[in-house]
PDB file of N, CA and C in Angstrom:
ATOM      1  N   MET A   1      78.730 113.227  94.719  1.00  0.00           N
ATOM      2  CA  MET A   1      77.753 112.353  95.012  1.00  0.00           C
ATOM      3  C   MET A   1      78.285 111.181  93.890  1.00  0.00           C
ATOM      4  N   SER A   2      78.542 109.765  94.849  1.00  0.00           N
ATOM      5  CA  SER A   2      79.033 108.830  94.070  1.00  0.00           C
ATOM      6  C   SER A   2      77.751 107.986  93.126  1.00  0.00           C
ATOM      7  N   ALA A   3      78.174 107.148  92.290  1.00  0.00           N
ATOM      8  CA  ALA A   3      76.885 106.663  91.503  1.00  0.00           C
ATOM      9  C   ALA A   3      76.147 106.009  92.353  1.00  0.00           C
ATOM     10  N   ASN A   4      76.633 105.020  93.480  1.00  0.00           N
ATOM     11  CA  ASN A   4      75.957 104.413  94.233  1.00  0.00           C
ATOM     12  C   ASN A   4      74.845 105.217  95.201  1.00  0.00           C
ATOM     13  N   GLU A   5      75.507 106.456  95.725  1.00  0.00           N
ATOM     14  CA  GLU A   5      74.763 107.272  96.489  1.00  0.00           C
ATOM     15  C   GLU A   5      73.483 107.856  95.811  1.00  0.00           C
ATOM     16  N   ALA A   6      73.730 107.829  94.183  1.00  0.00           N
ATOM     17  CA  ALA A   6      72.507 108.291  93.268  1.00  0.00           C
ATOM     18  C   ALA A   6      71.389 107.523  93.324  1.00  0.00           C
ATOM     19  N   GLN A   7      71.949 106.355  93.522  1.00  0.00           N
ATOM     20  CA  GLN A   7      70.883 105.112  92.946  1.00  0.00           C
ATOM     21  C   GLN A   7      70.230 104.724  94.382  1.00  0.00           C
ATOM     22  N   GLU A   8      70.778 105.223  95.522  1.00  0.00           N
ATOM     23  CA  GLU A   8      69.792 104.771  96.975  1.00  0.00           C
ATOM     24  C   GLU A   8      68.530 105.442  96.787  1.00  0.00           C
ATOM     25  N   SER A   9      67.489 104.615  97.172  1.00  0.00           N
ATOM     26  CA  SER A   9      66.214 105.354  97.404  1.00  0.00           C
ATOM     27  C   SER A   9      66.253 106.646  98.070  1.00  0.00           C
ATOM     28  N   ASP A  10      65.543 107.785  98.062  1.00  0.00           N
ATOM     29  CA  ASP A  10      65.194 108.656  98.767  1.00  0.00           C
ATOM     30  C   ASP A  10      64.354 108.303  99.983  1.00  0.00           C
ATOM     31  N   PRO A  11      64.869 108.750 101.278  1.00  0.00           N
ATOM     32  CA  PRO A  11      63.794 108.225 102.460  1.00  0.00           C
ATOM     33  C   PRO A  11      62.543 108.942 102.305  1.00  0.00           C
ATOM     34  N   PHE A  12      62.372 109.810 101.960  1.00  0.00           N
ATOM     35  CA  PHE A  12      61.218 110.917 102.040  1.00  0.00           C
ATOM     36  C   PHE A  12      60.328 110.056 100.832  1.00  0.00           C
ATOM     37  N   ASP A  13      59.064 109.627 101.497  1.00  0.00           N
ATOM     38  CA  ASP A  13      58.094 109.146 100.785  1.00  0.00           C
ATOM     39  C   ASP A  13      56.979 110.074 100.533  1.00  0.00           C
ATOM     40  N   ALA A  14      56.806 110.474  99.181  1.00  0.00           N
ATOM     41  CA  ALA A  14      55.962 111.443  98.972  1.00  0.00           C
ATOM     42  C   ALA A  14      54.305 111.159  99.034  1.00  0.00           C
ATOM     43  N   SER A  15      53.992 109.856  99.402  1.00  0.00           N
ATOM     44  CA  SER A  15      52.741 109.388  99.733  1.00  0.00           C
ATOM     45  C   SER A  15      52.379 109.905 101.083  1.00  0.00           C
ATOM     46  N   VAL A  16      53.251 110.315 101.967  1.00  0.00           N
ATOM     47  CA  VAL A  16      52.665 110.874 103.361  1.00  0.00           C
ATOM     48  C   VAL A  16      52.574 112.420 103.311  1.00  0.00           C
ATOM     49  N   ARG A  17      51.174 112.786 104.184  1.00  0.00           N
ATOM     50  CA  ARG A  17      51.275 114.166 104.357  1.00  0.00           C
ATOM     51  C   ARG A  17      50.714 114.489 105.556  1.00  0.00           C
ATOM     52  N   MET A  18      50.919 115.621 105.870  1.00  0.00           N
ATOM     53  CA  MET A  18      50.499 115.772 107.329  1.00  0.00           C
ATOM     54  C   MET A  18      49.703 117.461 107.286  1.00  0.00           C
ATOM     55  N   THR A  19      48.762 117.359 108.095  1.00  0.00           N
ATOM     56  CA  THR A  19      47.811 118.449 108.204  1.00  0.00           C
ATOM     57  C   THR A  19      47.622 118.681 109.560  1.00  0.00           C
ATOM     58  N   ARG A  20      47.215 120.136 110.131  1.00  0.00           N
ATOM     59  CA  ARG A  20      46.384 120.285 111.503  1.00  0.00           C
ATOM     60  C   ARG A  20      45.095 120.544 111.186  1.00  0.00           C
ATOM     61  N   ASN A  21      44.366 119.810 111.992  1.00  0.00           N
ATOM     62  CA  ASN A  21      42.840 119.764 111.581  1.00  0.00           C
ATOM     63  C   ASN A  21      42.047 120.218 112.751  1.00  0.00           C
ATOM     64  N   ASP A  22      42.025 121.719 112.946  1.00  0.00           N
ATOM     65  CA  ASP A  22      41.863 122.489 114.102  1.00  0.00           C
ATOM     66  C   ASP A  22      40.477 122.036 114.294  1.00  0.00           C
ATOM     67  N   SER A  23      39.367 121.836 113.556  1.00  0.00           N
ATOM     68  CA  SER A  23      37.812 121.153 113.834  1.00  0.00           C
ATOM     69  C   SER A  23      38.145 120.072 114.715  1.00  0.00           C
ATOM     70  N   ARG A  24      39.102 119.277 114.375  1.00  0.00           N
ATOM     71  CA  ARG A  24      38.848 117.994 115.362  1.00  0.00           C
ATOM     72  C   ARG A  24      40.158 118.190 116.484  1.00  0.00           C
ATOM     73  N   HIS A  25      40.758 119.177 116.801  1.00  0.00           N
ATOM     74  CA  HIS A  25      41.771 119.618 117.494  1.00  0.00           C
ATOM     75  C   HIS A  25      42.891 118.570 117.252  1.00  0.00           C
ATOM     76  N   ARG A  26      43.630 118.122 116.337  1.00  0.00           N
ATOM     77  CA  ARG A  26      44.812 117.338 116.191  1.00  0.00           C
ATOM     78  C   ARG A  26      45.369 117.612 115.038  1.00  0.00           C
ATOM     79  N   TYR A  27      46.573 117.010 114.959  1.00  0.00           N
ATOM     80  CA  TYR A  27      47.546 117.068 113.716  1.00  0.00           C
ATOM     81  C   TYR A  27      47.091 115.495 113.380  1.00  0.00           C
ATOM     82  N   GLU A  28      47.454 115.307 111.817  1.00  0.00           N
ATOM     83  CA  GLU A  28      47.137 114.105 111.326  1.00  0.00           C
ATOM     84  C   GLU A  28      48.073 113.749 110.104  1.00  0.00           C
ATOM     85  N   LEU A  29      48.778 112.660 110.206  1.00  0.00           N
ATOM     86  CA  LEU A  29      49.473 112.223 109.082  1.00  0.00           C
ATOM     87  C   LEU A  29      48.597 110.990 108.169  1.00  0.00           C
ATOM     88  N   PHE A  30      48.835 111.480 107.137  1.00  0.00           N
ATOM     89  CA  PHE A  30      47.969 110.396 106.043  1.00  0.00           C
ATOM     90  C   PHE A  30      49.337 109.705 105.149  1.00  0.00           C
ATOM     91  N   GLU A  31      48.768 108.415 104.775  1.00  0.00           N
ATOM     92  CA  GLU A  31      49.744 107.763 104.115  1.00  0.00           C
ATOM     93  C   GLU A  31      48.909 107.435 102.736  1.00  0.00           C
ATOM     94  N   HIS A  32      48.985 107.262 101.990  1.00  0.00           N
ATOM     95  CA  HIS A  32      48.378 107.188 100.745  1.00  0.00           C
ATOM     96  C   HIS A  32      46.660 107.560 100.874  1.00  0.00           C
ATOM     97  N   GLU A  33      46.594 108.807 101.401  1.00  0.00           N
ATOM     98  CA  GLU A  33      45.001 108.934 101.832  1.00  0.00           C
ATOM     99  C   GLU A  33      44.335 108.250 102.797  1.00  0.00           C
ATOM    100  N   GLU A  34      45.219 107.496 103.472  1.00  0.00           N
ATOM    101  CA  GLU A  34      44.667 106.628 104.706  1.00  0.00           C
ATOM    102  C   GLU A  34      45.224 107.132 105.821  1.00  0.00           C
ATOM    103  N   LEU A  35      44.445 107.674 106.978  1.00  0.00           N
ATOM    104  CA  LEU A  35      44.916 108.417 108.075  1.00  0.00           C
ATOM    105  C   LEU A  35      45.703 107.335 108.935  1.00  0.00           C
ATOM    106  N   ALA A  36      46.817 107.781 109.144  1.00  0.00           N
ATOM    107  CA  ALA A  36      47.815 106.629 109.782  1.00  0.00           C
ATOM    108  C   ALA A  36      48.219 107.236 111.251  1.00  0.00           C
ATOM    109  N   VAL A  37      48.426 108.164 111.715  1.00  0.00           N
ATOM    110  CA  VAL A  37      48.877 108.906 112.856  1.00  0.00           C
ATOM    111  C   VAL A  37      48.153 110.220 113.272  1.00  0.00           C
ATOM    112  N   ILE A  38      47.575 110.210 114.641  1.00  0.00           N
ATOM    113  CA  ILE A  38      46.970 111.693 115.124  1.00  0.00           C
ATOM    114  C   ILE A  38      47.681 111.782 116.341  1.00  0.00           C
ATOM    115  N   SER A  39      47.624 113.140 116.607  1.00  0.00           N
ATOM    116  CA  SER A  39      48.141 113.582 117.618  1.00  0.00           C
ATOM    117  C   SER A  39      47.031 114.973 118.467  1.00  0.00           C
ATOM    118  N   THR A  40      46.377 114.444 119.351  1.00  0.00           N
ATOM    119  CA  THR A  40      45.207 115.379 119.593  1.00  0.00           C
ATOM    120  C   THR A  40      45.887 116.617 120.612  1.00  0.00           C
ATOM    121  N   PHE A  41      45.311 117.393 120.529  1.00  0.00           N
ATOM    122  CA  PHE A  41      46.030 118.622 121.324  1.00  0.00           C
ATOM    123  C   PHE A  41      44.582 119.368 121.758  1.00  0.00           C
ATOM    124  N   LYS A  42      44.782 120.484 122.740  1.00  0.00           N
ATOM    125  CA  LYS A  42      44.054 121.597 123.255  1.00  0.00           C
ATOM    126  C   LYS A  42      44.793 123.033 122.784  1.00  0.00           C
ATOM    127  N   ASP A  43      43.895 123.839 122.142  1.00  0.00           N
ATOM    128  CA  ASP A  43      44.426 125.058 121.930  1.00  0.00           C
ATOM    129  C   ASP A  43      44.092 126.093 123.004  1.00  0.00           C
ATOM    130  N   LEU A  44      45.163 126.347 123.616  1.00  0.00           N
ATOM    131  CA  LEU A  44      45.100 127.472 124.855  1.00  0.00           C
ATOM    132  C   LEU A  44      45.457 128.687 124.438  1.00  0.00           C
ATOM    133  N   PRO A  45      45.030 129.753 125.135  1.00  0.00           N
ATOM    134  CA  PRO A  45      46.046 130.782 124.857  1.00  0.00           C
ATOM    135  C   PRO A  45      47.342 130.903 125.014  1.00  0.00           C
ATOM    136  N   GLY A  46      48.327 131.096 123.997  1.00  0.00           N
ATOM    137  CA  GLY A  46      49.901 131.157 124.208  1.00  0.00           C
ATOM    138  C   GLY A  46      50.272 129.897 123.931  1.00  0.00           C
ATOM    139  N   HIS A  47      49.489 128.659 124.149  1.00  0.00           N
ATOM    140  CA  HIS A  47      50.077 127.138 124.180  1.00  0.00           C
ATOM    141  C   HIS A  47      49.111 126.222 123.507  1.00  0.00           C
ATOM    142  N   ILE A  48      49.914 125.295 122.873  1.00  0.00           N
ATOM    143  CA  ILE A  48      49.243 124.002 122.491  1.00  0.00           C
ATOM    144  C   ILE A  48      49.668 122.890 123.227  1.00  0.00           C
ATOM    145  N   ASP A  49      48.509 122.451 123.685  1.00  0.00           N
ATOM    146  CA  ASP A  49      48.760 121.259 124.983  1.00  0.00           C
ATOM    147  C   ASP A  49      48.481 119.965 124.147  1.00  0.00           C
ATOM    148  N   PHE A  50      49.406 119.082 123.921  1.00  0.00           N
ATOM    149  CA  PHE A  50      49.305 117.725 123.166  1.00  0.00           C
ATOM    150  C   PHE A  50      48.681 116.759 124.360  1.00  0.00           C
ATOM    151  N   GLU A  51      47.957 116.087 123.891  1.00  0.00           N
ATOM    152  CA  GLU A  51      47.239 115.461 124.852  1.00  0.00           C
ATOM    153  C   GLU A  51      47.633 113.843 124.449  1.00  0.00           C
ATOM    154  N   HIS A  52      47.434 113.325 123.134  1.00  0.00           N
ATOM    155  CA  HIS A  52      47.511 111.909 122.932  1.00  0.00           C
ATOM    156  C   HIS A  52      48.116 111.715 121.377  1.00  0.00           C
ATOM    157  N   THR A  53      49.264 111.074 121.209  1.00  0.00           N
ATOM    158  CA  THR A  53      49.434 110.626 119.827  1.00  0.00           C
ATOM    159  C   THR A  53      49.205 109.271 119.802  1.00  0.00           C
ATOM    160  N   ILE A  54      48.564 108.845 118.585  1.00  0.00           N
ATOM    161  CA  ILE A  54      47.889 107.439 118.334  1.00  0.00           C
ATOM    162  C   ILE A  54      48.294 106.926 116.871  1.00  0.00           C
ATOM    163  N   SER A  55      49.158 105.705 116.661  1.00  0.00           N
ATOM    164  CA  SER A  55      49.221 105.159 115.379  1.00  0.00           C
ATOM    165  C   SER A  55      48.075 104.338 115.240  1.00  0.00           C
ATOM    166  N   GLN A  56      47.205 104.436 114.122  1.00  0.00           N
ATOM    167  CA  GLN A  56      46.339 103.258 113.658  1.00  0.00           C
ATOM    168  C   GLN A  56      46.951 102.177 113.486  1.00  0.00           C
ATOM    169  N   PRO A  57      45.644 101.206 113.623  1.00  0.00           N
ATOM    170  CA  PRO A  57      46.283  99.834 113.340  1.00  0.00           C
ATOM    171  C   PRO A  57      46.664  99.547 111.890  1.00  0.00           C
ATOM    172  N   GLY A  58      48.066  98.898 112.033  1.00  0.00           N
ATOM    173  CA  GLY A  58      48.803  98.636 110.786  1.00  0.00           C
ATOM    174  C   GLY A  58      49.830  99.495 110.553  1.00  0.00           C
ATOM    175  N   PHE A  59      49.819 100.470 111.333  1.00  0.00           N
ATOM    176  CA  PHE A  59      51.054 101.607 110.874  1.00  0.00           C
ATOM    177  C   PHE A  59      51.485 101.824 112.179  1.00  0.00           C
ATOM    178  N   GLU A  60      51.574 101.107 112.950  1.00  0.00           N
ATOM    179  CA  GLU A  60      52.543 101.167 114.113  1.00  0.00           C
ATOM    180  C   GLU A  60      54.135 100.677 113.778  1.00  0.00           C
ATOM    181  N   GLY A  61      54.823 101.127 114.286  1.00  0.00           N
ATOM    182  CA  GLY A  61      56.339 100.944 114.249  1.00  0.00           C
ATOM    183  C   GLY A  61      56.966 101.153 112.974  1.00  0.00           C
ATOM    184  N   ARG A  62      56.580 102.035 112.548  1.00  0.00           N
ATOM    185  CA  ARG A  62      57.157 102.541 111.315  1.00  0.00           C
ATOM    186  C   ARG A  62      57.712 103.744 110.946  1.00  0.00           C
ATOM    187  N   GLY A  63      57.733 104.609 112.395  1.00  0.00           N
ATOM    188  CA  GLY A  63      58.382 105.864 112.290  1.00  0.00           C
ATOM    189  C   GLY A  63      57.520 106.840 112.070  1.00  0.00           C
ATOM    190  N   LEU A  64      56.464 106.702 111.571  1.00  0.00           N
ATOM    191  CA  LEU A  64      55.301 107.849 111.131  1.00  0.00           C
ATOM    192  C   LEU A  64      55.037 108.669 112.229  1.00  0.00           C
ATOM    193  N   ALA A  65      54.807 108.205 113.531  1.00  0.00           N
ATOM    194  CA  ALA A  65      54.783 108.901 114.788  1.00  0.00           C
ATOM    195  C   ALA A  65      55.709 110.171 114.929  1.00  0.00           C
ATOM    196  N   LYS A  66      56.753 109.801 114.749  1.00  0.00           N
ATOM    197  CA  LYS A  66      58.112 110.789 114.937  1.00  0.00           C
ATOM    198  C   LYS A  66      57.820 111.570 113.698  1.00  0.00           C
ATOM    199  N   ILE A  67      57.524 111.308 112.393  1.00  0.00           N
ATOM    200  CA  ILE A  67      57.340 112.426 111.645  1.00  0.00           C
ATOM    201  C   ILE A  67      56.464 113.765 111.703  1.00  0.00           C
ATOM    202  N   LEU A  68      55.276 112.849 112.527  1.00  0.00           N
ATOM    203  CA  LEU A  68      54.071 113.746 112.917  1.00  0.00           C
ATOM    204  C   LEU A  68      54.505 114.524 114.140  1.00  0.00           C
ATOM    205  N   ALA A  69      55.056 114.128 115.057  1.00  0.00           N
ATOM    206  CA  ALA A  69      55.695 114.790 116.092  1.00  0.00           C
ATOM    207  C   ALA A  69      56.465 115.911 115.661  1.00  0.00           C
ATOM    208  N   ARG A  70      57.515 115.731 114.915  1.00  0.00           N
ATOM    209  CA  ARG A  70      58.442 116.931 114.517  1.00  0.00           C
ATOM    210  C   ARG A  70      57.450 118.020 113.721  1.00  0.00           C
ATOM    211  N   TYR A  71      56.680 117.288 112.820  1.00  0.00           N
ATOM    212  CA  TYR A  71      55.632 118.623 112.022  1.00  0.00           C
ATOM    213  C   TYR A  71      55.086 119.264 112.873  1.00  0.00           C
ATOM    214  N   ALA A  72      54.418 118.684 114.104  1.00  0.00           N
ATOM    215  CA  ALA A  72      53.551 119.176 114.767  1.00  0.00           C
ATOM    216  C   ALA A  72      54.389 120.551 115.759  1.00  0.00           C
ATOM    217  N   LEU A  73      55.201 119.885 116.377  1.00  0.00           N
ATOM    218  CA  LEU A  73      56.210 120.725 117.146  1.00  0.00           C
ATOM    219  C   LEU A  73      56.564 121.951 116.512  1.00  0.00           C
ATOM    220  N   ASP A  74      57.436 121.711 115.317  1.00  0.00           N
ATOM    221  CA  ASP A  74      57.626 122.686 114.396  1.00  0.00           C
ATOM    222  C   ASP A  74      56.532 123.498 114.219  1.00  0.00           C
ATOM    223  N   ASP A  75      55.337 123.406 113.661  1.00  0.00           N
ATOM    224  CA  ASP A  75      54.061 124.059 113.515  1.00  0.00           C
ATOM    225  C   ASP A  75      53.883 125.230 114.761  1.00  0.00           C
ATOM    226  N   VAL A  76      53.977 124.491 115.958  1.00  0.00           N
ATOM    227  CA  VAL A  76      53.838 125.156 117.112  1.00  0.00           C
ATOM    228  C   VAL A  76      54.564 126.304 117.113  1.00  0.00           C
ATOM    229  N   VAL A  77      55.969 125.923 117.196  1.00  0.00           N
ATOM    230  CA  VAL A  77      57.114 126.860 117.330  1.00  0.00           C
ATOM    231  C   VAL A  77      56.597 128.012 116.128  1.00  0.00           C
ATOM    232  N   ALA A  78      56.711 127.597 115.038  1.00  0.00           N
ATOM    233  CA  ALA A  78      56.466 128.696 114.079  1.00  0.00           C
ATOM    234  C   ALA A  78      55.414 129.567 114.239  1.00  0.00           C
ATOM    235  N   SER A  79      54.252 128.974 114.885  1.00  0.00           N
ATOM    236  CA  SER A  79      52.720 130.025 115.195  1.00  0.00           C
ATOM    237  C   SER A  79      53.355 130.751 116.537  1.00  0.00           C
ATOM    238  N   GLY A  80      54.486 130.805 117.094  1.00  0.00           N
ATOM    239  CA  GLY A  80      54.903 131.598 118.127  1.00  0.00           C
ATOM    240  C   GLY A  80      54.279 131.244 119.427  1.00  0.00           C
ATOM    241  N   LYS A  81      53.383 130.198 119.578  1.00  0.00           N
ATOM    242  CA  LYS A  81      52.947 129.316 120.733  1.00  0.00           C
ATOM    243  C   LYS A  81      53.840 128.375 121.394  1.00  0.00           C
ATOM    244  N   ARG A  82      53.565 128.028 122.491  1.00  0.00           N
ATOM    245  CA  ARG A  82      54.503 127.166 123.493  1.00  0.00           C
ATOM    246  C   ARG A  82      53.860 125.861 123.617  1.00  0.00           C
ATOM    247  N   VAL A  83      54.624 124.938 123.868  1.00  0.00           N
ATOM    248  CA  VAL A  83      54.307 123.512 123.861  1.00  0.00           C
ATOM    249  C   VAL A  83      53.995 122.933 125.371  1.00  0.00           C
ATOM    250  N   ILE A  84      52.978 122.592 125.476  1.00  0.00           N
ATOM    251  CA  ILE A  84      52.665 121.657 126.958  1.00  0.00           C
ATOM    252  C   ILE A  84      52.529 120.003 126.415  1.00  0.00           C
ATOM    253  N   PRO A  85      53.616 119.388 127.133  1.00  0.00           N
ATOM    254  CA  PRO A  85      53.423 117.897 126.420  1.00  0.00           C
ATOM    255  C   PRO A  85      53.188 117.206 127.534  1.00  0.00           C
ATOM    256  N   HIS A  86      51.553 117.050 127.715  1.00  0.00           N
ATOM    257  CA  HIS A  86      51.027 116.128 128.515  1.00  0.00           C
ATOM    258  C   HIS A  86      50.924 114.702 127.715  1.00  0.00           C
ATOM    259  N   CYS A  87      50.988 114.700 126.670  1.00  0.00           N
ATOM    260  CA  CYS A  87      51.016 113.269 125.743  1.00  0.00           C
ATOM    261  C   CYS A  87      52.645 112.733 125.918  1.00  0.00           C
ATOM    262  N   PRO A  88      52.885 111.402 126.597  1.00  0.00           N
ATOM    263  CA  PRO A  88      53.738 110.949 126.780  1.00  0.00           C
ATOM    264  C   PRO A  88      54.904 110.733 125.569  1.00  0.00           C
ATOM    265  N   TYR A  89      54.369 110.395 124.376  1.00  0.00           N
ATOM    266  CA  TYR A  89      55.177 110.356 122.941  1.00  0.00           C
ATOM    267  C   TYR A  89      55.754 111.691 122.828  1.00  0.00           C
ATOM    268  N   ILE A  90      55.153 112.850 122.720  1.00  0.00           N
ATOM    269  CA  ILE A  90      55.471 114.179 122.501  1.00  0.00           C
ATOM    270  C   ILE A  90      56.754 114.678 123.547  1.00  0.00           C
ATOM    271  N   SER A  91      56.203 114.195 124.988  1.00  0.00           N
ATOM    272  CA  SER A  91      57.310 114.495 125.878  1.00  0.00           C
ATOM    273  C   SER A  91      58.794 113.934 125.547  1.00  0.00           C
ATOM    274  N   ARG A  92      58.338 112.358 125.372  1.00  0.00           N
ATOM    275  CA  ARG A  92      59.635 111.579 125.308  1.00  0.00           C
ATOM    276  C   ARG A  92      60.444 112.339 123.758  1.00  0.00           C
ATOM    277  N   PHE A  93      59.700 112.694 122.675  1.00  0.00           N
ATOM    278  CA  PHE A  93      60.407 112.939 121.649  1.00  0.00           C
ATOM    279  C   PHE A  93      61.058 114.547 122.009  1.00  0.00           C
ATOM    280  N   ILE A  94      60.348 115.407 122.885  1.00  0.00           N
ATOM    281  CA  ILE A  94      61.147 116.565 123.119  1.00  0.00           C
ATOM    282  C   ILE A  94      62.356 116.205 123.866  1.00  0.00           C
ATOM    283  N   ALA A  95      62.499 115.178 124.769  1.00  0.00           N
ATOM    284  CA  ALA A  95      63.591 114.852 125.717  1.00  0.00           C
ATOM    285  C   ALA A  95      64.636 114.392 124.743  1.00  0.00           C
ATOM    286  N   LYS A  96      64.392 113.985 123.590  1.00  0.00           N
ATOM    287  CA  LYS A  96      65.526 113.177 122.626  1.00  0.00           C
ATOM    288  C   LYS A  96      66.003 114.428 121.811  1.00  0.00           C
ATOM    289  N   HIS A  97      65.207 115.535 121.560  1.00  0.00           N
ATOM    290  CA  HIS A  97      65.942 116.534 120.958  1.00  0.00           C
ATOM    291  C   HIS A  97      65.627 117.852 121.625  1.00  0.00           C
ATOM    292  N   PRO A  98      66.492 117.947 123.071  1.00  0.00           N
ATOM    293  CA  PRO A  98      65.985 119.283 123.654  1.00  0.00           C
ATOM    294  C   PRO A  98      66.554 120.460 123.219  1.00  0.00           C
ATOM    295  N   ASP A  99      67.608 120.360 122.597  1.00  0.00           N
ATOM    296  CA  ASP A  99      68.170 121.379 121.697  1.00  0.00           C
ATOM    297  C   ASP A  99      67.299 122.142 120.612  1.00  0.00           C
ATOM    298  N   LEU A 100      66.204 121.300 120.374  1.00  0.00           N
ATOM    299  CA  LEU A 100      65.470 121.955 119.172  1.00  0.00           C
ATOM    300  C   LEU A 100      64.171 122.446 120.116  1.00  0.00           C
ATOM    301  N   TYR A 101      63.741 121.874 121.188  1.00  0.00           N
ATOM    302  CA  TYR A 101      62.127 122.119 121.452  1.00  0.00           C
ATOM    303  C   TYR A 101      61.976 122.616 123.058  1.00  0.00           C
ATOM    304  N   ASN A 102      63.368 122.548 123.776  1.00  0.00           N
ATOM    305  CA  ASN A 102      62.975 122.775 125.201  1.00  0.00           C
ATOM    306  C   ASN A 102      62.883 124.297 125.543  1.00  0.00           C
ATOM    307  N   GLN A 103      63.247 125.091 124.754  1.00  0.00           N
ATOM    308  CA  GLN A 103      63.409 126.670 124.897  1.00  0.00           C
ATOM    309  C   GLN A 103      61.881 126.761 124.540  1.00  0.00           C
ATOM    310  N   TYR A 104      60.835 126.030 124.209  1.00  0.00           N
ATOM    311  CA  TYR A 104      59.518 126.444 123.474  1.00  0.00           C
ATOM    312  C   TYR A 104      58.722 125.724 124.299  1.00  0.00           C
ATOM    313  N   THR A 105      59.126 124.779 125.374  1.00  0.00           N
ATOM    314  CA  THR A 105      58.313 123.805 126.181  1.00  0.00           C
ATOM    315  C   THR A 105      57.885 124.272 127.482  1.00  0.00           C
ATOM    316  N   ASP A 106      56.616 124.315 127.957  1.00  0.00           N
ATOM    317  CA  ASP A 106      56.461 124.259 129.376  1.00  0.00           C
ATOM    318  C   ASP A 106      56.064 123.085 129.803  1.00  0.00           C
ATOM    319  N   PHE A 107      56.873 122.463 130.720  1.00  0.00           N
ATOM    320  CA  PHE A 107      56.447 120.838 131.035  1.00  0.00           C
ATOM    321  C   PHE A 107      55.926 121.157 132.064  1.00  0.00           C
ATOM    322  N   PRO A 108      54.685 119.737 132.189  1.00  0.00           N
ATOM    323  CA  PRO A 108      53.664 120.070 133.240  1.00  0.00           C
ATOM    324  C   PRO A 108      54.246 119.701 134.434  1.00  0.00           C
ATOM    325  N   GLU A 109      53.502 120.095 135.612  1.00  0.00           N
ATOM    326  CA  GLU A 109      53.883 119.681 136.543  1.00  0.00           C
ATOM    327  C   GLU A 109      53.506 118.460 137.643  1.00  0.00           C
ATOM    328  N   GLY A 110      54.032 117.637 137.969  1.00  0.00           N
ATOM    329  CA  GLY A 110      53.493 116.435 139.000  1.00  0.00           C
ATOM    330  C   GLY A 110      53.546 115.322 137.736  1.00  0.00           C
ATOM    331  N   PRO A 111      52.871 114.077 138.203  1.00  0.00           N
ATOM    332  CA  PRO A 111      52.980 113.191 137.121  1.00  0.00           C
ATOM    333  C   PRO A 111      52.120 113.067 136.331  1.00  0.00           C
TER     334      PRO A 111
END
């Protein structure tokens, strides 16, 4: 590693944490203890059906939804369940990473 590489800031921000909140049926991303992004879901037998991903006002356009999407999808895959992406954001994220998630996804039929 060069001296310049060692001085570059780490892209990981320790002030960000994610959790699965089963009582509210959503994954949550917090930044500095403030709720920044949520992704709502239905917990179905053998599946997690993602409904909506929403960035809270002031947190849009910062890439936080991508971080939460990867966390949530990885969590579902690790649990042995399959993904149903009714949420347009989650569906687009899977389309951009087909090698990681297509094999674990049951795409909804129709519009």
